[in-house]
Protein backbone atom coordinates (compact mmCIF):
# COMPACT_ATOMS: atom_id res chain seq x y z
CA MET A 1 99.15 85.48 77.83
CA THR A 2 102.56 83.82 78.10
CA THR A 3 103.50 81.14 75.59
CA THR A 4 106.55 78.92 75.32
CA THR A 5 108.52 79.31 72.10
CA ALA A 6 110.78 76.72 70.52
CA SER A 7 113.82 78.48 71.98
CA GLN A 8 112.47 78.25 75.53
CA THR A 9 112.72 75.21 77.78
CA PRO A 10 109.89 74.82 80.29
CA LEU A 11 112.22 73.21 82.83
CA ILE A 12 115.91 74.03 83.10
CA LEU A 13 116.63 71.53 85.89
CA ASP A 14 118.70 68.59 84.68
CA PRO A 15 116.46 65.54 84.01
CA ALA A 16 118.47 63.44 86.45
CA ALA A 17 117.88 66.04 89.15
CA GLN A 18 114.17 66.15 88.26
CA GLU A 19 114.04 62.40 88.78
CA LEU A 20 115.98 62.53 92.04
CA LEU A 21 114.03 65.36 93.62
CA PHE A 22 110.53 64.93 92.20
CA ARG A 23 109.59 62.21 89.73
CA GLY A 24 111.32 59.43 91.64
CA ALA A 25 110.29 60.73 95.06
CA ARG A 26 108.31 58.23 97.11
CA THR A 27 107.37 57.92 100.76
CA ALA A 28 109.71 55.31 102.24
CA ASN A 29 108.37 52.89 104.83
CA ALA A 30 111.48 50.75 105.39
CA PHE A 31 115.20 51.42 105.38
CA THR A 32 118.50 49.59 105.31
CA GLY A 33 120.69 49.64 108.39
CA GLU A 34 123.14 52.12 106.86
CA PRO A 35 123.54 54.97 109.38
CA VAL A 36 122.94 58.65 108.67
CA GLY A 37 125.41 60.77 110.60
CA GLU A 38 124.93 64.13 112.27
CA GLU A 39 127.29 65.71 109.73
CA GLN A 40 124.99 64.68 106.89
CA VAL A 41 121.93 66.05 108.70
CA ARG A 42 123.71 69.38 109.13
CA ALA A 43 124.72 69.39 105.46
CA ILE A 44 121.09 68.84 104.45
CA TYR A 45 119.95 71.73 106.64
CA ASP A 46 122.76 73.98 105.40
CA LEU A 47 121.41 73.44 101.87
CA VAL A 48 117.70 73.92 102.49
CA ARG A 49 117.97 76.90 104.86
CA TRP A 50 118.45 79.16 101.83
CA ALA A 51 115.01 78.43 100.36
CA PRO A 52 112.49 81.29 100.58
CA THR A 53 109.84 81.92 103.23
CA ALA A 54 107.52 84.83 104.03
CA MET A 55 109.52 87.68 105.61
CA ASN A 56 112.49 85.28 105.66
CA ALA A 57 110.90 83.80 108.77
CA GLN A 58 112.70 80.64 109.86
CA PRO A 59 110.47 78.96 112.44
CA LEU A 60 111.45 75.37 111.63
CA ARG A 61 113.06 73.60 114.57
CA ILE A 62 114.40 70.06 114.23
CA VAL A 63 115.07 67.45 116.88
CA ASP A 64 117.43 64.71 115.67
CA VAL A 65 116.19 61.72 117.67
CA ARG A 66 119.55 59.98 117.76
CA SER A 67 119.98 58.27 121.12
CA ARG A 68 118.28 54.99 121.98
CA GLU A 69 116.71 56.59 125.03
CA ALA A 70 115.17 59.40 122.95
CA ARG A 71 113.87 56.92 120.37
CA GLU A 72 112.22 54.92 123.13
CA ARG A 73 110.50 58.10 124.34
CA LEU A 74 109.18 58.87 120.86
CA VAL A 75 108.02 55.50 119.55
CA PRO A 76 105.06 55.06 121.98
CA LEU A 77 103.78 58.49 120.93
CA MET A 78 103.53 57.46 117.28
CA SER A 79 100.38 56.00 115.76
CA GLU A 80 100.43 52.22 115.93
CA GLY A 81 101.20 51.81 112.23
CA ASN A 82 104.19 54.15 112.49
CA ARG A 83 105.89 52.66 115.55
CA ALA A 84 107.90 49.80 114.08
CA LYS A 85 109.38 51.83 111.24
CA THR A 86 110.20 54.70 113.60
CA ALA A 87 111.91 52.29 115.98
CA THR A 88 114.18 50.94 113.22
CA ALA A 89 114.79 53.92 110.90
CA PRO A 90 118.44 55.04 110.79
CA LEU A 91 117.35 58.68 111.10
CA THR A 92 114.28 60.16 112.74
CA LEU A 93 113.66 63.90 112.88
CA ILE A 94 110.90 65.79 114.67
CA ALA A 95 109.97 68.99 112.82
CA ALA A 96 108.30 71.74 114.82
CA ALA A 97 107.19 75.34 114.34
CA ASP A 98 108.74 77.85 116.75
CA GLU A 99 106.07 80.41 117.54
CA ASP A 100 108.76 82.75 118.85
CA PHE A 101 110.48 82.92 115.46
CA HIS A 102 109.90 86.68 115.43
CA GLU A 103 112.68 87.16 117.98
CA HIS A 104 115.18 86.39 115.19
CA LEU A 105 113.76 88.90 112.69
CA PRO A 106 116.27 91.67 113.52
CA VAL A 107 118.91 89.29 112.08
CA THR A 108 116.95 87.47 109.36
CA PHE A 109 114.84 90.44 108.18
CA PRO A 110 116.94 93.47 109.15
CA HIS A 111 115.61 95.90 106.54
CA ARG A 112 112.12 95.92 108.13
CA GLU A 113 112.65 97.95 111.26
CA GLY A 114 110.22 97.02 114.00
CA ALA A 115 109.18 93.68 112.45
CA ARG A 116 109.85 91.80 115.68
CA GLU A 117 107.80 94.24 117.74
CA ALA A 118 104.95 94.24 115.20
CA LEU A 119 104.61 90.46 115.42
CA ARG A 120 105.17 90.12 119.15
CA ASP A 121 101.48 90.65 120.01
CA SER A 122 100.02 89.59 116.67
CA PRO A 123 97.27 86.94 116.92
CA GLY A 124 98.37 85.69 113.49
CA ARG A 125 101.89 84.79 114.61
CA PRO A 126 101.19 81.08 115.42
CA ALA A 127 99.63 80.55 111.98
CA MET A 128 102.55 82.34 110.33
CA ALA A 129 104.95 80.10 112.23
CA ARG A 130 103.18 76.95 111.08
CA PHE A 131 102.88 78.14 107.48
CA ASN A 132 106.56 78.96 107.12
CA ALA A 133 107.71 75.89 109.05
CA SER A 134 105.59 73.78 106.69
CA LEU A 135 107.32 75.42 103.71
CA GLN A 136 110.65 74.61 105.31
CA LEU A 137 109.52 71.05 105.97
CA GLY A 138 108.91 70.60 102.24
CA TYR A 139 112.38 71.95 101.51
CA LEU A 140 113.82 69.60 104.14
CA ILE A 141 112.28 66.58 102.42
CA LEU A 142 113.79 67.72 99.11
CA GLY A 143 117.14 68.15 100.88
CA ILE A 144 116.94 64.59 102.16
CA ARG A 145 116.31 63.46 98.58
CA ALA A 146 119.25 65.58 97.39
CA ALA A 147 121.47 63.70 99.83
CA GLY A 148 120.59 60.44 98.08
CA LEU A 149 118.29 59.32 100.89
CA ALA A 150 114.58 58.56 101.04
CA ALA A 151 112.14 60.22 103.43
CA GLY A 152 109.04 58.98 105.17
CA PRO A 153 107.21 62.03 106.61
CA MET A 154 104.41 61.23 109.04
CA SER A 155 101.63 63.15 110.73
CA GLY A 156 100.42 60.08 112.62
CA PHE A 157 101.53 60.84 116.16
CA ASP A 158 100.19 62.36 119.35
CA ALA A 159 101.20 65.97 118.77
CA ASP A 160 100.34 67.13 122.29
CA ALA A 161 102.36 64.30 123.85
CA VAL A 162 105.33 64.89 121.52
CA GLU A 163 105.25 68.58 122.37
CA LYS A 164 105.23 67.85 126.08
CA GLU A 165 108.01 65.27 125.78
CA PHE A 166 110.40 67.05 123.42
CA PHE A 167 109.40 70.74 123.55
CA PRO A 168 108.56 71.43 127.20
CA GLU A 169 109.28 75.15 126.80
CA GLY A 170 105.77 75.41 125.31
CA ASN A 171 106.40 77.60 122.25
CA ARG A 172 107.17 74.91 119.65
CA ARG A 173 104.45 72.92 117.91
CA PRO A 174 105.31 69.57 116.27
CA ILE A 175 104.17 69.36 112.65
CA ALA A 176 105.76 66.13 111.40
CA VAL A 177 108.03 63.24 112.21
CA ILE A 178 110.32 62.21 109.37
CA ASN A 179 112.10 58.88 109.05
CA ALA A 180 114.95 58.84 106.55
CA GLY A 181 117.78 56.71 105.27
CA ARG A 182 118.68 54.41 102.41
CA PRO A 183 115.47 52.74 101.26
CA ALA A 184 115.14 49.00 101.77
CA PRO A 185 114.01 46.82 98.85
CA ASP A 186 110.47 46.77 100.25
CA ALA A 187 110.44 50.49 101.15
CA PHE A 188 107.81 51.63 98.67
CA ARG A 189 104.19 50.87 97.95
CA PRO A 190 103.01 51.02 94.32
CA ARG A 191 102.89 54.61 93.09
CA ASN A 192 99.44 56.15 93.15
CA PRO A 193 98.14 58.52 90.45
CA ARG A 194 98.52 62.28 90.65
CA LEU A 195 96.14 64.99 89.47
CA ASP A 196 97.14 66.48 86.12
CA ALA A 197 97.59 70.15 85.37
CA ALA A 198 94.13 70.57 83.88
CA GLN A 199 92.57 69.44 87.17
CA VAL A 200 94.65 71.82 89.27
CA ILE A 201 95.41 74.99 87.29
CA THR A 202 92.82 77.63 86.48
CA THR A 203 93.94 80.49 84.26
CA VAL A 204 92.00 83.74 84.66
């Protein structure tokens, strides 16, 4: 059984960083008009790409929906309640899982010889792609927070239509659409409760 002594600190992350990344994190529903440039998006990705995944798989693929024409293609595919905020957000990203992630394993997982070939015909590969892309999506949201922005991740969209419109190659499955930017004064709903540790953690 592990116990915490007086000389140990349960959390070593600076309290201000805890607040920025976690305690102050809220789903944003409205944003100011301040733009978010491509350079900042790349900086966010360059930070979060180092976070761990299973077998160092990196199936996350991101479409930066930047042009007006692309935004007009996406908005009708969102659920009705998500259309207006997607139309006006300064940054909208489509996150998808690349089911052909295994093709990169000779570079990203070089010490496991034959990993690419082992996964090529594996029926579990699509689920592995989605699992790891979902991990990376969580890291991406934290990266957006680390950039001083707020994120509004959404699952309310027509996934089949988004796939057809933005991933016609047929091997990438959309998992979320994320709006981001500087939060507007009315960006947040009242915070809802969370489950406490006793409701979640079972020690055996």
